[in-house]
């Protein structure tokens, strides 16, 4: 099997860099392009609770702009082959947008971290990795960033 396009969705938290060695190792082994995706949460559902629409639009715009800047910095810091990297920021539900991106860009492999949430956190926030691993149309490599054994070079 050949993985020409690898998708690496990031949340730009302290766990994202821990997944990078797995992404770069697989990209090198398969001579792959790497797509790095950040999904900014959409807040339109708050308009139903009397938050002014312009306030939400401004807040979403600021999040989107900030995410683009952070994604650029993240990519420059952790990836050296800029020609093989595609960075994208989209708005919406993380699981839904990751699945949409896989189909739209014809991704061959998805590599993402898990957060290892438990208890109430998992009930409240759900698990994006769990949702995606059950429904993704491509192979999924899940990495627990808290129990990482780095791949051999």
Protein backbone atom coordinates (compact mmCIF):
# COMPACT_ATOMS: atom_id res chain seq x y z
CA UNK A 1 0.00 0.00 0.00
CA UNK A 2 1.23 3.50 -0.85
CA UNK A 3 0.29 6.53 1.24
CA UNK A 4 0.79 9.54 -1.05
CA UNK A 5 -1.21 11.96 1.12
CA UNK A 6 -1.12 11.89 4.92
CA UNK A 7 -3.53 13.98 6.97
CA UNK A 8 -2.35 15.23 10.35
CA UNK A 9 -5.15 17.07 12.16
CA UNK A 10 -3.80 19.20 15.01
CA UNK A 11 -5.36 21.04 17.91
CA UNK A 12 -2.17 23.08 18.45
CA UNK A 13 -2.02 21.98 22.09
CA UNK A 14 1.10 20.72 23.85
CA UNK A 15 0.31 17.22 22.56
CA UNK A 16 0.51 18.06 18.83
CA UNK A 17 4.36 18.13 18.67
CA UNK A 18 4.48 14.67 20.26
CA UNK A 19 2.76 13.21 17.17
CA UNK A 20 5.09 14.91 14.67
CA UNK A 21 7.80 12.19 14.69
CA UNK A 22 5.22 9.60 13.63
CA UNK A 23 3.96 11.83 10.82
CA UNK A 24 7.43 12.69 9.53
CA UNK A 25 8.58 9.07 9.76
CA UNK A 26 5.62 7.80 7.73
CA UNK A 27 5.96 10.67 5.23
CA UNK A 28 9.63 9.81 4.69
CA UNK A 29 8.98 6.08 4.35
CA UNK A 30 6.23 6.56 1.78
CA UNK A 31 7.48 9.77 0.11
CA UNK A 32 4.17 11.40 1.08
CA UNK A 33 2.76 14.89 1.09
CA UNK A 34 1.56 15.96 4.55
CA UNK A 35 -1.67 17.87 5.02
CA UNK A 36 -1.90 19.62 8.38
CA UNK A 37 -5.44 20.57 9.36
CA UNK A 38 -6.74 22.71 12.21
CA UNK A 39 -10.49 22.87 12.77
CA UNK A 40 -11.67 26.05 14.49
CA UNK A 41 -14.91 25.51 16.35
CA UNK A 42 -17.94 27.28 14.90
CA UNK A 43 -20.00 29.20 17.44
CA UNK A 44 -23.17 29.91 15.42
CA UNK A 45 -25.29 27.83 17.82
CA UNK A 46 -24.82 30.59 20.43
CA UNK A 47 -26.99 32.99 18.40
CA UNK A 48 -30.03 31.16 19.77
CA UNK A 49 -29.16 32.28 23.31
CA UNK A 50 -29.16 36.00 22.54
CA UNK A 51 -25.48 36.51 21.89
CA UNK A 52 -25.35 39.20 19.19
CA UNK A 53 -24.53 37.75 15.77
CA UNK A 54 -21.82 40.36 14.97
CA UNK A 55 -20.04 39.47 18.25
CA UNK A 56 -19.94 35.80 17.29
CA UNK A 57 -18.75 36.58 13.76
CA UNK A 58 -15.94 38.80 15.09
CA UNK A 59 -14.90 36.18 17.66
CA UNK A 60 -14.86 33.41 15.02
CA UNK A 61 -12.84 35.63 12.67
CA UNK A 62 -10.26 36.31 15.38
CA UNK A 63 -10.01 32.59 16.19
CA UNK A 64 -9.59 31.77 12.49
CA UNK A 65 -6.88 34.41 12.00
CA UNK A 66 -5.07 33.32 15.17
CA UNK A 67 -5.27 29.67 14.13
CA UNK A 68 -3.72 30.42 10.75
CA UNK A 69 -0.80 32.23 12.41
CA UNK A 70 -0.28 29.45 15.00
CA UNK A 71 -0.47 26.77 12.31
CA UNK A 72 2.17 28.60 10.27
CA UNK A 73 4.46 28.83 13.31
CA UNK A 74 3.85 25.17 14.21
CA UNK A 75 4.68 24.05 10.67
CA UNK A 76 7.84 26.16 10.48
CA UNK A 77 9.03 24.77 13.82
CA UNK A 78 8.30 21.06 13.31
CA UNK A 79 8.42 20.42 9.55
CA UNK A 80 11.42 21.14 7.34
CA UNK A 81 10.19 20.15 3.86
CA UNK A 82 7.78 23.03 3.24
CA UNK A 83 7.19 21.97 -0.38
CA UNK A 84 5.52 18.76 0.79
CA UNK A 85 3.29 20.43 3.43
CA UNK A 86 -0.20 21.81 2.93
CA UNK A 87 -1.67 23.81 5.84
CA UNK A 88 -5.40 24.37 6.16
CA UNK A 89 -7.68 25.97 8.74
CA UNK A 90 -11.43 25.34 8.50
CA UNK A 91 -14.41 26.17 10.71
CA UNK A 92 -16.85 23.60 12.05
CA UNK A 93 -17.11 20.40 14.04
CA UNK A 94 -13.70 18.70 14.28
CA UNK A 95 -14.76 15.14 13.45
CA UNK A 96 -17.06 16.21 10.64
CA UNK A 97 -14.51 18.54 9.05
CA UNK A 98 -11.69 15.98 9.27
CA UNK A 99 -13.87 13.42 7.48
CA UNK A 100 -14.86 16.01 4.85
CA UNK A 101 -11.20 16.88 4.29
CA UNK A 102 -10.25 13.22 3.82
CA UNK A 103 -12.79 12.88 1.02
CA UNK A 104 -12.16 16.28 -0.58
CA UNK A 105 -8.36 15.93 -0.70
CA UNK A 106 -8.29 12.17 -1.38
CA UNK A 107 -6.21 11.46 1.72
CA UNK A 108 -4.64 7.98 1.97
CA UNK A 109 -3.71 7.85 5.69
CA UNK A 110 -4.80 9.74 8.79
CA UNK A 111 -2.40 10.13 11.73
CA UNK A 112 -3.74 11.79 14.84
CA UNK A 113 -3.28 11.93 18.57
CA UNK A 114 -5.72 10.92 21.24
CA UNK A 115 -6.27 13.01 24.32
CA UNK A 116 -6.93 10.13 26.66
CA UNK A 117 -9.87 11.93 28.25
CA UNK A 118 -11.71 9.95 30.87
CA UNK A 119 -14.88 10.20 32.88
CA UNK A 120 -16.86 13.41 32.70
CA UNK A 121 -14.42 15.09 30.27
CA UNK A 122 -15.04 12.31 27.75
CA UNK A 123 -18.80 12.49 28.25
CA UNK A 124 -18.84 16.28 27.79
CA UNK A 125 -16.27 16.63 25.00
CA UNK A 126 -16.60 13.23 23.35
CA UNK A 127 -13.71 11.75 21.47
CA UNK A 128 -12.91 13.09 18.02
CA UNK A 129 -10.39 10.28 17.54
CA UNK A 130 -12.98 7.67 18.49
CA UNK A 131 -15.61 9.07 16.11
CA UNK A 132 -13.15 9.29 13.25
CA UNK A 133 -11.55 5.90 13.78
CA UNK A 134 -14.99 4.29 13.50
CA UNK A 135 -16.05 6.13 10.35
CA UNK A 136 -12.94 7.13 8.38
CA UNK A 137 -12.76 5.75 4.82
CA UNK A 138 -8.93 5.44 5.11
CA UNK A 139 -6.50 3.75 7.52
CA UNK A 140 -6.15 5.63 10.81
CA UNK A 141 -3.06 5.67 13.02
CA UNK A 142 -3.90 6.84 16.55
CA UNK A 143 -1.06 7.89 18.83
CA UNK A 144 -1.44 8.37 22.57
CA UNK A 145 0.80 11.40 23.17
CA UNK A 146 1.21 10.51 26.84
CA UNK A 147 2.66 7.05 26.17
CA UNK A 148 4.82 7.81 23.17
CA UNK A 149 7.70 5.59 22.15
CA UNK A 150 9.35 7.43 19.30
CA UNK A 151 9.66 5.54 16.00
CA UNK A 152 13.12 4.33 15.00
CA UNK A 153 14.93 6.68 12.66
